[in-house]
N, C-alpha and C. Protein backbone atom coordinates (compact mmCIF):
# COMPACT_ATOMS: atom_id res chain seq x y z
N MET A 1 -4.91 0.91 9.21
CA MET A 1 -3.54 0.03 9.37
C MET A 1 -3.94 -0.64 10.92
N THR A 2 -3.64 -1.64 10.83
CA THR A 2 -3.91 -2.47 12.32
C THR A 2 -2.49 -2.68 13.06
N PRO A 3 -2.23 -2.77 14.32
CA PRO A 3 -1.16 -3.27 14.77
C PRO A 3 -0.85 -4.78 14.60
N GLN A 4 -1.90 -5.40 14.16
CA GLN A 4 -1.60 -6.90 13.93
C GLN A 4 -0.97 -7.08 12.47
N MET A 5 -1.27 -6.37 11.70
CA MET A 5 -0.60 -6.32 10.17
C MET A 5 0.81 -5.79 10.47
N THR A 6 1.16 -4.84 11.28
CA THR A 6 2.43 -4.44 11.49
C THR A 6 3.07 -5.51 12.24
N ALA A 7 2.71 -5.96 13.22
CA ALA A 7 3.24 -7.21 14.01
C ALA A 7 3.70 -8.40 12.93
N ARG A 8 2.77 -8.70 11.93
CA ARG A 8 3.14 -9.90 11.24
C ARG A 8 4.16 -9.76 10.28
N PHE A 9 4.42 -8.35 9.62
CA PHE A 9 5.62 -7.89 8.87
C PHE A 9 6.80 -7.77 9.67
N GLN A 10 6.86 -7.27 10.91
CA GLN A 10 7.93 -7.19 12.00
C GLN A 10 8.46 -8.67 12.09
N GLU A 11 7.54 -9.55 12.57
CA GLU A 11 7.85 -11.05 12.81
C GLU A 11 8.70 -11.67 11.57
N ARG A 12 8.13 -11.32 10.39
CA ARG A 12 8.71 -11.92 9.35
C ARG A 12 10.04 -11.34 8.83
N PHE A 13 10.09 -10.10 8.80
CA PHE A 13 11.09 -9.26 8.25
C PHE A 13 12.07 -8.55 9.35
N GLY A 14 11.59 -8.63 10.45
CA GLY A 14 12.40 -8.09 11.69
C GLY A 14 12.81 -6.32 11.58
N SER A 15 14.19 -5.93 11.52
CA SER A 15 14.27 -4.61 11.52
C SER A 15 14.49 -4.11 10.11
N LEU A 16 14.18 -4.82 9.16
CA LEU A 16 13.97 -4.44 7.63
C LEU A 16 12.60 -3.81 7.40
N VAL A 17 11.83 -3.64 8.34
CA VAL A 17 10.56 -3.04 8.25
C VAL A 17 10.29 -1.63 8.82
N ALA A 18 10.06 -0.50 8.05
CA ALA A 18 9.81 0.75 8.63
C ALA A 18 8.24 0.86 8.57
N VAL A 19 7.80 1.45 9.52
CA VAL A 19 6.31 1.98 9.86
C VAL A 19 6.06 3.26 9.86
N MET A 20 4.96 3.65 9.04
CA MET A 20 4.65 5.00 8.52
C MET A 20 3.17 5.25 8.95
N HIS A 21 2.78 6.02 9.75
CA HIS A 21 1.38 6.43 9.99
C HIS A 21 1.25 7.59 10.69
N SER A 22 0.18 8.21 10.73
CA SER A 22 -0.08 9.55 11.41
C SER A 22 0.11 9.68 12.90
N GLY A 23 -0.07 8.43 13.47
CA GLY A 23 0.32 8.60 14.98
C GLY A 23 1.78 8.57 15.43
N LEU A 24 2.74 8.73 14.41
CA LEU A 24 4.16 9.00 14.82
C LEU A 24 4.44 10.52 15.09
N SER A 25 5.39 10.67 15.83
CA SER A 25 5.67 12.12 15.91
C SER A 25 6.69 12.61 14.96
N ALA A 26 6.77 13.83 14.60
CA ALA A 26 7.54 14.46 13.36
C ALA A 26 8.94 13.80 13.47
N GLY A 27 9.49 13.55 14.64
CA GLY A 27 10.89 12.85 14.68
C GLY A 27 10.99 11.44 14.32
N GLU A 28 9.71 10.75 14.63
CA GLU A 28 9.67 9.37 14.43
C GLU A 28 9.49 9.19 12.85
N LYS A 29 8.65 10.06 12.25
CA LYS A 29 8.51 10.17 10.98
C LYS A 29 9.78 10.22 10.15
N TYR A 30 10.48 11.29 10.72
CA TYR A 30 11.86 11.51 10.14
C TYR A 30 12.66 10.27 9.96
N ASP A 31 12.87 9.75 11.27
CA ASP A 31 13.52 8.67 11.34
C ASP A 31 13.32 7.47 10.57
N GLU A 32 12.10 7.02 10.49
CA GLU A 32 11.64 5.98 9.51
C GLU A 32 11.75 6.47 7.70
N TRP A 33 11.65 7.45 7.39
CA TRP A 33 11.92 8.19 6.12
C TRP A 33 13.31 8.11 5.95
N ARG A 34 14.18 8.45 6.94
CA ARG A 34 15.71 8.29 6.79
C ARG A 34 16.07 6.79 6.44
N LYS A 35 15.70 5.99 7.26
CA LYS A 35 15.90 4.35 7.05
C LYS A 35 15.54 3.95 5.65
N ILE A 36 14.35 4.31 5.30
CA ILE A 36 14.16 4.00 3.82
C ILE A 36 14.95 4.48 3.01
N HIS A 37 15.25 6.15 3.03
CA HIS A 37 16.12 6.67 2.05
C HIS A 37 17.60 6.13 2.05
N ARG A 38 18.06 5.75 3.12
CA ARG A 38 19.45 4.85 3.44
C ARG A 38 19.46 3.58 3.10
N ARG A 39 18.25 2.97 2.70
CA ARG A 39 18.11 1.50 2.06
C ARG A 39 18.41 0.61 3.36
N GLU A 40 18.01 1.05 4.46
CA GLU A 40 18.24 0.13 5.62
C GLU A 40 17.22 -0.71 5.88
N VAL A 41 16.05 -0.59 5.10
CA VAL A 41 14.68 -1.24 5.19
C VAL A 41 14.36 -1.96 3.92
N LYS A 42 13.59 -2.98 3.75
CA LYS A 42 13.22 -3.34 2.43
C LYS A 42 11.51 -3.29 2.40
N VAL A 43 10.90 -3.19 3.55
CA VAL A 43 9.51 -3.14 3.47
C VAL A 43 8.84 -1.87 4.17
N VAL A 44 7.81 -1.15 3.76
CA VAL A 44 7.29 -0.16 4.53
C VAL A 44 5.90 -0.74 4.75
N VAL A 45 5.51 -0.66 6.02
CA VAL A 45 3.97 -0.91 6.21
C VAL A 45 3.34 0.49 6.75
N GLY A 46 2.45 1.00 6.15
CA GLY A 46 1.81 2.22 6.48
C GLY A 46 0.48 2.73 6.17
N ALA A 47 0.34 3.88 6.36
CA ALA A 47 -1.26 4.45 5.98
C ALA A 47 -0.82 4.98 4.66
N ARG A 48 -1.85 5.89 4.36
CA ARG A 48 -1.77 6.51 3.06
C ARG A 48 -0.57 7.13 2.56
N SER A 49 0.30 7.96 3.45
CA SER A 49 1.53 8.62 3.10
C SER A 49 2.61 7.69 2.52
N ALA A 50 2.38 6.57 3.28
CA ALA A 50 3.58 5.61 3.00
C ALA A 50 3.63 5.19 1.48
N ILE A 51 2.72 5.60 0.67
CA ILE A 51 2.85 5.41 -0.87
C ILE A 51 3.88 6.17 -1.52
N PHE A 52 4.45 7.15 -0.55
CA PHE A 52 5.42 7.93 -1.35
C PHE A 52 6.92 7.81 -0.64
N ALA A 53 6.80 6.70 0.12
CA ALA A 53 8.08 6.20 0.72
C ALA A 53 9.20 6.39 -0.43
N PRO A 54 10.37 6.76 -0.03
CA PRO A 54 11.42 7.02 -1.00
C PRO A 54 12.38 5.82 -1.61
N PHE A 55 11.46 4.74 -2.00
CA PHE A 55 12.19 3.56 -2.54
C PHE A 55 12.59 3.82 -3.88
N GLU A 56 13.51 3.13 -4.47
CA GLU A 56 13.85 3.48 -5.86
C GLU A 56 13.90 2.18 -6.50
N ASN A 57 13.70 1.01 -5.88
CA ASN A 57 13.56 -0.10 -6.44
C ASN A 57 12.51 -0.97 -5.92
N ILE A 58 11.17 -0.78 -6.40
CA ILE A 58 10.07 -1.53 -5.67
C ILE A 58 9.74 -2.73 -6.28
N GLY A 59 9.60 -3.81 -5.54
CA GLY A 59 9.21 -5.13 -6.15
C GLY A 59 7.90 -5.39 -6.23
N ILE A 60 7.06 -4.77 -5.16
CA ILE A 60 5.65 -5.16 -5.33
C ILE A 60 4.79 -4.01 -4.06
N ILE A 61 3.73 -3.62 -4.64
CA ILE A 61 2.89 -2.48 -3.61
C ILE A 61 1.64 -3.33 -3.46
N ILE A 62 1.37 -3.42 -2.05
CA ILE A 62 0.05 -3.89 -1.79
C ILE A 62 -0.83 -2.85 -0.92
N LEU A 63 -1.96 -2.58 -1.56
CA LEU A 63 -2.83 -1.82 -0.77
C LEU A 63 -4.10 -2.82 -0.29
N ASP A 64 -4.11 -3.06 1.06
CA ASP A 64 -5.21 -3.77 1.71
C ASP A 64 -6.20 -2.95 1.91
N GLU A 65 -7.38 -3.42 1.77
CA GLU A 65 -8.54 -2.78 1.94
C GLU A 65 -8.62 -1.44 1.02
N GLU A 66 -8.49 -1.66 -0.26
CA GLU A 66 -8.41 -0.67 -1.09
C GLU A 66 -9.55 0.39 -1.20
N HIS A 67 -10.63 -0.19 -0.93
CA HIS A 67 -12.00 0.51 -1.08
C HIS A 67 -12.21 1.51 -0.02
N GLU A 68 -11.46 1.53 1.00
CA GLU A 68 -11.49 2.61 2.11
C GLU A 68 -11.43 3.77 1.78
N SER A 69 -12.24 4.80 2.28
CA SER A 69 -12.25 6.26 2.01
C SER A 69 -10.97 6.80 2.41
N THR A 70 -10.30 6.28 3.38
CA THR A 70 -9.10 6.79 4.21
C THR A 70 -7.93 6.97 2.98
N TYR A 71 -8.05 6.37 1.97
CA TYR A 71 -6.86 6.30 1.10
C TYR A 71 -6.95 7.73 0.11
N LYS A 72 -8.07 8.37 0.51
CA LYS A 72 -8.34 9.61 -0.29
C LYS A 72 -7.72 10.87 0.71
N GLN A 73 -6.80 11.50 0.05
CA GLN A 73 -6.43 12.78 0.70
C GLN A 73 -7.19 13.84 0.25
N GLU A 74 -8.03 14.61 1.10
CA GLU A 74 -8.89 15.76 0.65
C GLU A 74 -8.21 16.91 0.61
N ASP A 75 -7.21 17.25 1.65
CA ASP A 75 -6.54 18.49 1.75
C ASP A 75 -5.63 18.45 0.57
N ASN A 76 -5.14 19.92 0.17
CA ASN A 76 -4.19 20.04 -0.81
C ASN A 76 -2.61 19.63 -0.35
N PRO A 77 -1.94 18.76 -1.14
CA PRO A 77 -2.43 18.22 -2.34
C PRO A 77 -3.35 17.13 -2.42
N ARG A 78 -4.21 17.21 -3.18
CA ARG A 78 -5.18 16.08 -3.28
C ARG A 78 -4.75 14.88 -4.00
N TYR A 79 -5.13 13.58 -3.45
CA TYR A 79 -4.73 12.43 -4.26
C TYR A 79 -5.44 11.21 -3.75
N HIS A 80 -5.17 10.21 -4.50
CA HIS A 80 -5.81 8.90 -4.00
C HIS A 80 -4.65 7.85 -3.78
N ALA A 81 -4.36 7.55 -2.75
CA ALA A 81 -3.21 6.60 -2.55
C ALA A 81 -3.26 5.28 -3.63
N ARG A 82 -4.62 5.01 -4.02
CA ARG A 82 -4.74 3.61 -4.85
C ARG A 82 -4.33 4.27 -6.32
N ASP A 83 -4.54 5.28 -6.56
CA ASP A 83 -3.94 5.95 -8.03
C ASP A 83 -2.51 6.11 -8.08
N VAL A 84 -1.95 6.51 -6.94
CA VAL A 84 -0.68 6.95 -6.96
C VAL A 84 0.17 5.38 -6.85
N ALA A 85 -0.39 4.43 -6.14
CA ALA A 85 0.23 3.23 -6.22
C ALA A 85 0.21 2.57 -7.74
N ILE A 86 -1.02 2.73 -8.17
CA ILE A 86 -1.05 2.33 -9.83
C ILE A 86 0.06 2.86 -10.67
N TRP A 87 0.25 4.15 -10.42
CA TRP A 87 1.15 4.92 -11.29
C TRP A 87 2.55 4.39 -10.94
N ARG A 88 2.82 4.33 -9.51
CA ARG A 88 4.18 4.02 -9.13
C ARG A 88 4.39 2.47 -9.68
N SER A 89 3.49 1.61 -9.69
CA SER A 89 3.87 0.25 -10.01
C SER A 89 4.00 0.16 -11.61
N GLU A 90 3.35 1.18 -12.16
CA GLU A 90 3.75 1.37 -13.78
C GLU A 90 5.00 1.92 -13.92
N PHE A 91 5.33 2.92 -13.20
CA PHE A 91 6.88 3.52 -13.25
C PHE A 91 7.98 2.61 -12.97
N TYR A 92 7.69 1.74 -11.94
CA TYR A 92 8.78 0.92 -11.58
C TYR A 92 8.66 -0.47 -12.07
N ARG A 93 7.53 -0.68 -12.94
CA ARG A 93 7.26 -1.96 -13.61
C ARG A 93 7.29 -3.02 -12.53
N CYS A 94 6.45 -3.08 -11.59
CA CYS A 94 6.18 -3.94 -10.36
C CYS A 94 4.87 -3.92 -10.25
N PRO A 95 4.32 -5.25 -9.66
CA PRO A 95 2.99 -5.54 -9.47
C PRO A 95 2.43 -4.75 -8.35
N VAL A 96 0.97 -4.44 -8.54
CA VAL A 96 0.36 -3.80 -7.23
C VAL A 96 -0.80 -4.84 -7.06
N ILE A 97 -0.97 -5.15 -5.83
CA ILE A 97 -2.24 -5.88 -5.31
C ILE A 97 -3.14 -4.97 -4.77
N LEU A 98 -4.48 -4.94 -5.07
CA LEU A 98 -5.39 -3.97 -4.45
C LEU A 98 -6.19 -5.06 -3.58
N GLY A 99 -6.09 -5.27 -2.40
CA GLY A 99 -6.99 -6.19 -1.79
C GLY A 99 -8.25 -5.70 -1.10
N SER A 100 -9.41 -6.33 -1.30
CA SER A 100 -10.64 -5.86 -0.58
C SER A 100 -11.58 -7.02 -0.58
N ALA A 101 -12.43 -6.99 0.48
CA ALA A 101 -13.72 -8.11 0.43
C ALA A 101 -14.52 -7.16 -0.27
N THR A 102 -14.67 -5.84 -0.49
CA THR A 102 -15.76 -5.22 -1.13
C THR A 102 -14.93 -4.32 -1.89
N PRO A 103 -14.60 -4.49 -3.09
CA PRO A 103 -13.85 -3.65 -3.94
C PRO A 103 -14.55 -2.45 -4.35
N SER A 104 -13.58 -1.41 -4.54
CA SER A 104 -14.40 -0.18 -5.05
C SER A 104 -14.88 -0.22 -6.43
N LEU A 105 -15.95 0.73 -6.77
CA LEU A 105 -16.38 0.50 -7.91
C LEU A 105 -15.46 0.97 -9.04
N GLU A 106 -14.57 1.75 -8.91
CA GLU A 106 -13.47 2.20 -9.73
C GLU A 106 -12.48 0.93 -10.00
N SER A 107 -12.14 0.37 -8.98
CA SER A 107 -11.31 -0.94 -9.38
C SER A 107 -11.98 -2.18 -9.89
N PHE A 108 -13.22 -2.33 -9.68
CA PHE A 108 -14.10 -3.26 -10.28
C PHE A 108 -14.40 -3.00 -11.77
N ALA A 109 -14.54 -1.65 -12.07
CA ALA A 109 -14.64 -1.20 -13.35
C ALA A 109 -13.43 -1.47 -14.19
N ARG A 110 -12.31 -0.90 -13.58
CA ARG A 110 -11.17 -0.98 -14.07
C ARG A 110 -10.86 -2.65 -14.53
N ALA A 111 -10.93 -3.56 -13.74
CA ALA A 111 -10.97 -5.00 -13.94
C ALA A 111 -11.37 -5.59 -15.07
N LYS A 112 -12.76 -4.89 -15.39
CA LYS A 112 -13.52 -5.17 -16.35
C LYS A 112 -13.27 -4.70 -17.94
N LYS A 113 -12.56 -3.57 -17.59
CA LYS A 113 -12.07 -2.67 -18.93
C LYS A 113 -10.58 -2.78 -19.43
N GLU A 114 -9.70 -2.96 -18.44
CA GLU A 114 -8.28 -2.83 -18.60
C GLU A 114 -7.63 -4.01 -18.38
N SER A 115 -6.17 -3.90 -18.48
CA SER A 115 -5.31 -5.29 -18.40
C SER A 115 -4.89 -5.59 -16.91
N ILE A 116 -6.07 -5.50 -16.05
CA ILE A 116 -5.71 -5.93 -14.62
C ILE A 116 -6.55 -7.17 -14.55
N HIS A 117 -5.88 -7.95 -13.44
CA HIS A 117 -6.57 -9.27 -13.24
C HIS A 117 -7.24 -9.28 -12.02
N TYR A 118 -8.69 -9.87 -12.00
CA TYR A 118 -9.43 -10.03 -11.02
C TYR A 118 -9.16 -11.41 -10.51
N LEU A 119 -8.78 -11.48 -9.00
CA LEU A 119 -8.73 -12.67 -8.59
C LEU A 119 -9.61 -12.81 -7.20
N SER A 120 -10.19 -13.85 -7.18
CA SER A 120 -11.29 -14.17 -6.15
C SER A 120 -10.92 -15.45 -5.41
N TYR A 121 -11.05 -15.52 -4.08
CA TYR A 121 -10.91 -16.66 -3.40
C TYR A 121 -11.72 -16.72 -2.13
N ARG A 122 -12.12 -17.83 -1.59
CA ARG A 122 -12.95 -18.07 -0.47
C ARG A 122 -12.16 -18.93 0.64
N LYS A 123 -12.37 -18.28 1.90
CA LYS A 123 -11.73 -18.78 2.93
C LYS A 123 -12.73 -18.68 3.96
N GLU A 124 -12.47 -17.87 5.06
CA GLU A 124 -13.55 -17.55 6.08
C GLU A 124 -14.47 -16.56 5.39
N ARG A 125 -14.09 -15.73 4.65
CA ARG A 125 -14.60 -14.71 4.21
C ARG A 125 -14.24 -14.41 2.64
N ARG A 126 -14.97 -13.73 1.80
CA ARG A 126 -14.55 -13.73 0.26
C ARG A 126 -13.74 -12.24 0.29
N THR A 127 -12.57 -12.35 -0.37
CA THR A 127 -11.55 -11.42 -0.55
C THR A 127 -11.32 -11.38 -2.13
N ASN A 128 -11.34 -10.06 -2.33
CA ASN A 128 -10.90 -9.80 -3.75
C ASN A 128 -9.81 -9.07 -4.06
N HIS A 129 -9.02 -9.64 -4.85
CA HIS A 129 -7.75 -8.69 -5.16
C HIS A 129 -7.70 -8.38 -6.68
N TYR A 130 -7.20 -7.27 -7.04
CA TYR A 130 -6.80 -6.93 -8.31
C TYR A 130 -5.40 -6.71 -8.48
N HIS A 131 -4.73 -7.30 -9.70
CA HIS A 131 -3.41 -7.38 -9.84
C HIS A 131 -2.99 -6.74 -11.01
N GLN A 132 -2.08 -5.62 -11.21
CA GLN A 132 -1.76 -5.05 -12.48
C GLN A 132 -0.50 -5.61 -12.86
């Protein structure tokens, strides 16, 4: 997660953005979690653990650079944030966008076999998105 990404969301949505990442102290994490739970924010920008943010009405989930190994939690409980995002998108019936310039083999194969859409565009670099 980059500071530039966080800044873009904060510029657009102001105080309606919560930020969650491992660099926060336990108290800061609690404060962000509480803002989400109290419905004081509409957007969460964060690292792997942000996928568990206590939203009840999700409109869209976006995983940028979905191919990154940092989305895998190796310690117990083990999970992959991409898989949790897909599950939550199905549960809440909202779209999930998996963005990547170099998509994971799992996402590429899923796009070929299942009902997700593969979108590609060219700008300065090639970026691939999967939308379920």
